Amino acid sequence: MVLDQRIQEAIARAREICASKGTNSPECAVAWDEVEELHAEAAHQKSRSHAAEKDPL
């Protein structure tokens, strides 16, 4: 799945940014926010696909 790959890339990028800028840096926070947003999108897509499977119409 493409979204899973994007999540893994965002995690790697966040770890790299936090290692170089510090875990309390604004850049680190932004990088992890991106990871969180991608996780939320994945959950949203998953819930939509499950709802579609249950809806007979």
N, C-alpha and C. Protein backbone atom coordinates (compact mmCIF):
# COMPACT_ATOMS: atom_id res chain seq x y z
N MET A 1 0.85 -1.18 0.00
CA MET A 1 0.00 0.00 0.00
C MET A 1 0.89 1.24 0.00
N VAL A 2 0.53 2.18 -0.80
CA VAL A 2 1.32 3.40 -0.96
C VAL A 2 1.33 4.22 0.33
N LEU A 3 0.20 4.30 1.01
CA LEU A 3 0.13 5.10 2.24
C LEU A 3 1.04 4.51 3.32
N ASP A 4 1.10 3.20 3.41
CA ASP A 4 1.99 2.56 4.39
C ASP A 4 3.44 2.94 4.12
N GLN A 5 3.81 2.98 2.86
CA GLN A 5 5.18 3.36 2.49
C GLN A 5 5.44 4.82 2.86
N ARG A 6 4.46 5.69 2.62
CA ARG A 6 4.62 7.09 2.98
C ARG A 6 4.78 7.26 4.49
N ILE A 7 4.04 6.45 5.26
CA ILE A 7 4.15 6.51 6.72
C ILE A 7 5.56 6.10 7.14
N GLN A 8 6.06 5.02 6.59
CA GLN A 8 7.40 4.55 6.95
C GLN A 8 8.47 5.59 6.59
N GLU A 9 8.31 6.22 5.43
CA GLU A 9 9.26 7.26 5.02
C GLU A 9 9.19 8.47 5.95
N ALA A 10 7.97 8.84 6.35
CA ALA A 10 7.80 9.98 7.25
C ALA A 10 8.40 9.70 8.62
N ILE A 11 8.26 8.46 9.08
CA ILE A 11 8.86 8.07 10.37
C ILE A 11 10.38 8.16 10.29
N ALA A 12 10.96 7.65 9.21
CA ALA A 12 12.41 7.71 9.04
C ALA A 12 12.88 9.16 8.99
N ARG A 13 12.13 10.00 8.26
CA ARG A 13 12.48 11.41 8.16
C ARG A 13 12.37 12.10 9.52
N ALA A 14 11.33 11.79 10.27
CA ALA A 14 11.15 12.39 11.60
C ALA A 14 12.29 12.00 12.53
N ARG A 15 12.66 10.74 12.49
CA ARG A 15 13.77 10.30 13.34
C ARG A 15 15.07 11.02 12.98
N GLU A 16 15.30 11.18 11.69
CA GLU A 16 16.51 11.86 11.23
C GLU A 16 16.51 13.33 11.66
N ILE A 17 15.38 13.99 11.46
CA ILE A 17 15.27 15.40 11.83
C ILE A 17 15.47 15.57 13.33
N CYS A 18 14.83 14.72 14.12
CA CYS A 18 14.93 14.84 15.58
C CYS A 18 16.33 14.53 16.07
N ALA A 19 17.02 13.63 15.38
CA ALA A 19 18.39 13.31 15.77
C ALA A 19 19.32 14.50 15.49
N SER A 20 19.07 15.21 14.38
CA SER A 20 19.96 16.31 14.03
C SER A 20 19.57 17.63 14.68
N LYS A 21 18.28 17.88 14.84
CA LYS A 21 17.81 19.16 15.38
C LYS A 21 17.49 19.11 16.87
N GLY A 22 17.31 17.92 17.41
CA GLY A 22 16.92 17.78 18.81
C GLY A 22 15.45 17.43 18.94
N THR A 23 15.14 16.64 19.94
CA THR A 23 13.77 16.16 20.10
C THR A 23 12.81 17.25 20.55
N ASN A 24 13.32 18.36 21.06
CA ASN A 24 12.46 19.46 21.48
C ASN A 24 12.38 20.58 20.45
N SER A 25 12.92 20.36 19.27
CA SER A 25 12.93 21.40 18.24
C SER A 25 11.57 21.48 17.53
N PRO A 26 11.25 22.66 17.02
CA PRO A 26 10.01 22.79 16.25
C PRO A 26 9.99 21.90 15.01
N GLU A 27 11.15 21.73 14.39
CA GLU A 27 11.23 20.87 13.20
C GLU A 27 10.87 19.43 13.53
N CYS A 28 11.32 18.97 14.68
CA CYS A 28 11.01 17.61 15.12
C CYS A 28 9.50 17.45 15.34
N ALA A 29 8.91 18.43 15.99
CA ALA A 29 7.47 18.38 16.25
C ALA A 29 6.67 18.35 14.95
N VAL A 30 7.09 19.17 13.99
CA VAL A 30 6.40 19.20 12.70
C VAL A 30 6.53 17.86 11.98
N ALA A 31 7.70 17.27 12.04
CA ALA A 31 7.92 15.98 11.38
C ALA A 31 7.02 14.90 11.97
N TRP A 32 6.89 14.87 13.30
CA TRP A 32 6.03 13.87 13.93
C TRP A 32 4.55 14.19 13.71
N ASP A 33 4.21 15.46 13.55
CA ASP A 33 2.83 15.83 13.20
C ASP A 33 2.46 15.24 11.84
N GLU A 34 3.41 15.28 10.93
CA GLU A 34 3.17 14.71 9.60
C GLU A 34 2.91 13.21 9.70
N VAL A 35 3.70 12.53 10.53
CA VAL A 35 3.49 11.09 10.74
C VAL A 35 2.09 10.84 11.30
N GLU A 36 1.71 11.65 12.27
CA GLU A 36 0.39 11.49 12.90
C GLU A 36 -0.73 11.71 11.88
N GLU A 37 -0.58 12.70 11.02
CA GLU A 37 -1.59 12.97 10.00
C GLU A 37 -1.71 11.81 9.01
N LEU A 38 -0.58 11.23 8.65
CA LEU A 38 -0.62 10.07 7.75
C LEU A 38 -1.29 8.86 8.42
N HIS A 39 -1.01 8.66 9.70
CA HIS A 39 -1.67 7.58 10.45
C HIS A 39 -3.19 7.82 10.49
N ALA A 40 -3.60 9.06 10.70
CA ALA A 40 -5.02 9.38 10.74
C ALA A 40 -5.68 9.12 9.39
N GLU A 41 -5.01 9.48 8.32
CA GLU A 41 -5.54 9.23 6.98
C GLU A 41 -5.67 7.73 6.72
N ALA A 42 -4.69 6.96 7.15
CA ALA A 42 -4.76 5.50 6.98
C ALA A 42 -5.95 4.93 7.75
N ALA A 43 -6.16 5.40 8.97
CA ALA A 43 -7.29 4.93 9.77
C ALA A 43 -8.61 5.33 9.12
N HIS A 44 -8.66 6.52 8.57
CA HIS A 44 -9.88 7.00 7.91
C HIS A 44 -10.19 6.13 6.69
N GLN A 45 -9.17 5.84 5.90
CA GLN A 45 -9.37 5.00 4.72
C GLN A 45 -9.82 3.60 5.12
N LYS A 46 -9.23 3.08 6.18
CA LYS A 46 -9.59 1.74 6.65
C LYS A 46 -11.04 1.71 7.12
N SER A 47 -11.47 2.73 7.85
CA SER A 47 -12.85 2.75 8.34
C SER A 47 -13.83 2.90 7.19
N ARG A 48 -13.46 3.68 6.17
CA ARG A 48 -14.33 3.82 5.00
C ARG A 48 -14.47 2.50 4.26
N SER A 49 -13.39 1.77 4.13
CA SER A 49 -13.46 0.50 3.40
C SER A 49 -14.26 -0.53 4.17
N HIS A 50 -14.16 -0.53 5.50
CA HIS A 50 -14.95 -1.45 6.31
C HIS A 50 -16.43 -1.08 6.26
N ALA A 51 -16.72 0.20 6.26
CA ALA A 51 -18.12 0.65 6.18
C ALA A 51 -18.72 0.26 4.83
N ALA A 52 -17.95 0.37 3.78
CA ALA A 52 -18.43 0.01 2.44
C ALA A 52 -18.70 -1.49 2.35
N GLU A 53 -17.89 -2.29 3.01
CA GLU A 53 -18.08 -3.74 2.99
C GLU A 53 -19.36 -4.15 3.72
N LYS A 54 -19.73 -3.41 4.77
CA LYS A 54 -20.90 -3.75 5.58
C LYS A 54 -22.19 -3.20 4.97
N ASP A 55 -22.09 -2.14 4.17
CA ASP A 55 -23.27 -1.51 3.60
C ASP A 55 -23.69 -2.25 2.32
N PRO A 56 -24.86 -2.88 2.32
CA PRO A 56 -25.26 -3.64 1.14
C PRO A 56 -25.64 -2.77 -0.05
N LEU A 57 -25.83 -1.49 0.18
CA LEU A 57 -26.17 -0.59 -0.94
C LEU A 57 -24.94 0.02 -1.43
